[in-house]
C-alpha atoms as a PDB file:
ATOM      1  CA  MET A   1      11.854  37.151  23.221  1.00  0.00           C
ATOM      2  CA  TRP A   2       9.004  36.308  21.552  1.00  0.00           C
ATOM      3  CA  TRP A   3       7.867  40.042  20.362  1.00  0.00           C
ATOM      4  CA  ASN A   4      10.832  41.537  18.104  1.00  0.00           C
ATOM      5  CA  ASN A   5      11.525  45.506  17.796  1.00  0.00           C
ATOM      6  CA  TYR A   6       9.008  45.511  14.630  1.00  0.00           C
ATOM      7  CA  GLY A   7       6.146  44.096  16.035  1.00  0.00           C
ATOM      8  CA  HIS A   8       5.698  41.193  13.850  1.00  0.00           C
ATOM      9  CA  GLY A   9       6.235  38.300  16.439  1.00  0.00           C
ATOM     10  CA  TRP A  10       7.739  35.052  15.366  1.00  0.00           C
ATOM     11  CA  MET A  11       7.241  35.184  12.478  1.00  0.00           C
ATOM     12  CA  MET A  12      10.017  37.565  11.700  1.00  0.00           C
ATOM     13  CA  ASP A  13      12.492  35.826  13.864  1.00  0.00           C
ATOM     14  CA  GLY A  14      13.517  33.343  11.265  1.00  0.00           C
ATOM     15  CA  TRP A  15      10.122  32.504   9.641  1.00  0.00           C
ATOM     16  CA  GLY A  16      10.100  35.725   7.257  1.00  0.00           C
ATOM     17  CA  TRP A  17      10.332  33.673   4.120  1.00  0.00           C
ATOM     18  CA  ALA A  18       7.139  32.344   5.264  1.00  0.00           C
ATOM     19  CA  MET A  19       5.035  35.247   5.149  1.00  0.00           C
ATOM     20  CA  PRO A  20       3.885  35.776   1.259  1.00  0.00           C
ATOM     21  CA  PHE A  21       3.250  31.507   1.544  1.00  0.00           C
ATOM     22  CA  GLY A  22       1.711  31.221   5.124  1.00  0.00           C
ATOM     23  CA  GLY A  23      -1.693  30.037   4.354  1.00  0.00           C
ATOM     24  CA  LEU A  24      -0.706  27.768   1.510  1.00  0.00           C
ATOM     25  CA  LEU A  25       2.479  26.837   3.353  1.00  0.00           C
ATOM     26  CA  TRP A  26      -0.323  25.166   5.755  1.00  0.00           C
ATOM     27  CA  LEU A  27      -2.366  24.333   3.543  1.00  0.00           C
ATOM     28  CA  VAL A  28       0.700  21.869   1.931  1.00  0.00           C
ATOM     29  CA  VAL A  29       1.918  21.028   4.678  1.00  0.00           C
ATOM     30  CA  ILE A  30      -1.646  19.343   6.521  1.00  0.00           C
ATOM     31  CA  ALA A  31      -1.958  18.013   3.074  1.00  0.00           C
ATOM     32  CA  LEU A  32       1.672  16.396   2.900  1.00  0.00           C
ATOM     33  CA  LEU A  33       0.294  14.941   6.346  1.00  0.00           C
ATOM     34  CA  ILE A  34      -3.341  13.680   5.346  1.00  0.00           C
ATOM     35  CA  ALA A  35      -1.896  11.786   2.039  1.00  0.00           C
ATOM     36  CA  ALA A  36       1.521  10.583   4.493  1.00  0.00           C
ATOM     37  CA  ALA A  37      -1.682   8.636   6.560  1.00  0.00           C
ATOM     38  CA  VAL A  38      -3.918   7.487   3.731  1.00  0.00           C
ATOM     39  CA  TRP A  39      -0.567   6.255   2.311  1.00  0.00           C
ATOM     40  CA  LEU A  40       0.411   4.357   6.063  1.00  0.00           C
ATOM     41  CA  ALA A  41      -3.104   3.158   6.250  1.00  0.00           C
ATOM     42  CA  ARG A  42      -3.167   1.434   2.750  1.00  0.00           C
ATOM     43  CA  VAL A  43      -0.098  -0.261   3.176  1.00  0.00           C
ATOM     44  CA  SER A  44      -0.899  -1.485   6.766  1.00  0.00           C
ATOM     45  CA  TRP A  45      -4.185  -2.976   5.855  1.00  0.00           C
ATOM     46  CA  GLY A  46      -3.312  -3.636   2.263  1.00  0.00           C
ATOM     47  CA  ALA A  47      -0.529  -5.948   3.683  1.00  0.00           C
ATOM     48  CA  GLY A  48      -2.713  -8.788   5.137  1.00  0.00           C
ATOM     49  CA  GLU A  49      -4.763  -8.865   1.385  1.00  0.00           C
ATOM     50  CA  VAL A  50      -1.835  -9.332  -0.701  1.00  0.00           C
ATOM     51  CA  SER A  51      -0.359 -12.085   1.425  1.00  0.00           C
ATOM     52  CA  ALA A  52      -3.668 -14.166   1.853  1.00  0.00           C
ATOM     53  CA  ARG A  53      -3.525 -14.430  -2.007  1.00  0.00           C
ATOM     54  CA  PRO A  54      -2.846 -17.537  -3.517  1.00  0.00           C
ATOM     55  CA  SER A  55       0.487 -18.459  -4.913  1.00  0.00           C
ATOM     56  CA  PRO A  56      -0.030 -19.509  -8.718  1.00  0.00           C
ATOM     57  CA  ARG A  57       0.836 -23.245  -7.911  1.00  0.00           C
ATOM     58  CA  THR A  58      -1.578 -23.628  -5.786  1.00  0.00           C
ATOM     59  CA  ALA A  59      -4.439 -22.216  -7.721  1.00  0.00           C
ATOM     60  CA  ALA A  60      -2.894 -24.174 -10.897  1.00  0.00           C
ATOM     61  CA  LEU A  61      -3.570 -27.165  -8.034  1.00  0.00           C
ATOM     62  CA  ASP A  62      -7.161 -26.317  -7.066  1.00  0.00           C
ATOM     63  CA  MET A  63      -8.088 -25.801 -11.177  1.00  0.00           C
ATOM     64  CA  LEU A  64      -6.226 -29.242 -11.535  1.00  0.00           C
ATOM     65  CA  ASN A  65      -8.085 -30.949  -9.038  1.00  0.00           C
ATOM     66  CA  GLU A  66     -11.677 -29.408 -10.114  1.00  0.00           C
ATOM     67  CA  ARG A  67     -10.980 -31.023 -13.671  1.00  0.00           C
ATOM     68  CA  PHE A  68      -9.950 -34.370 -11.964  1.00  0.00           C
ATOM     69  CA  ALA A  69     -13.226 -34.015 -10.041  1.00  0.00           C
ATOM     70  CA  ARG A  70     -15.432 -33.139 -12.724  1.00  0.00           C
ATOM     71  CA  GLY A  71     -14.043 -36.247 -15.044  1.00  0.00           C
ATOM     72  CA  ASP A  72     -12.022 -34.061 -17.668  1.00  0.00           C
ATOM     73  CA  ILE A  73      -8.671 -35.700 -16.961  1.00  0.00           C
ATOM     74  CA  ASP A  74      -7.908 -39.127 -16.249  1.00  0.00           C
ATOM     75  CA  ARG A  75      -5.884 -40.527 -13.038  1.00  0.00           C
ATOM     76  CA  GLU A  76      -2.737 -41.241 -14.967  1.00  0.00           C
ATOM     77  CA  GLU A  77      -3.299 -37.565 -16.631  1.00  0.00           C
ATOM     78  CA  TYR A  78      -4.015 -35.782 -13.237  1.00  0.00           C
ATOM     79  CA  LEU A  79      -0.919 -37.586 -11.279  1.00  0.00           C
ATOM     80  CA  GLN A  80       1.060 -36.654 -13.957  1.00  0.00           C
ATOM     81  CA  LYS A  81       0.211 -32.936 -14.270  1.00  0.00           C
ATOM     82  CA  LYS A  82       0.259 -33.010 -10.258  1.00  0.00           C
ATOM     83  CA  ARG A  83       3.767 -34.064  -9.962  1.00  0.00           C
ATOM     84  CA  ASP A  84       4.828 -31.547 -12.968  1.00  0.00           C
ATOM     85  CA  LEU A  85       3.440 -28.898 -10.555  1.00  0.00           C
ATOM     86  CA  GLN A  86       4.742 -29.950  -7.290  1.00  0.00           C
ATOM     87  CA  GLY A  87       8.558 -30.654  -9.200  1.00  0.00           C
END
């Protein structure tokens, strides 16, 4: 039954332990729900950014290509370093 003999309603039907902490308990529950929602949003939206980053090997090849294009290294050195990075 919703009302008991003491007239306290559902709070005394097993939830009596929460009476002293009623307001605080709800604030904690709401804060945990908000934190979980923020965490899920960051994980789901952040996953695309992590996979979009180039691997260190790809970044090194890009830098090697730029050095060769600028003329910092000759063809032989370029080919040797490229083989080293790919193998």
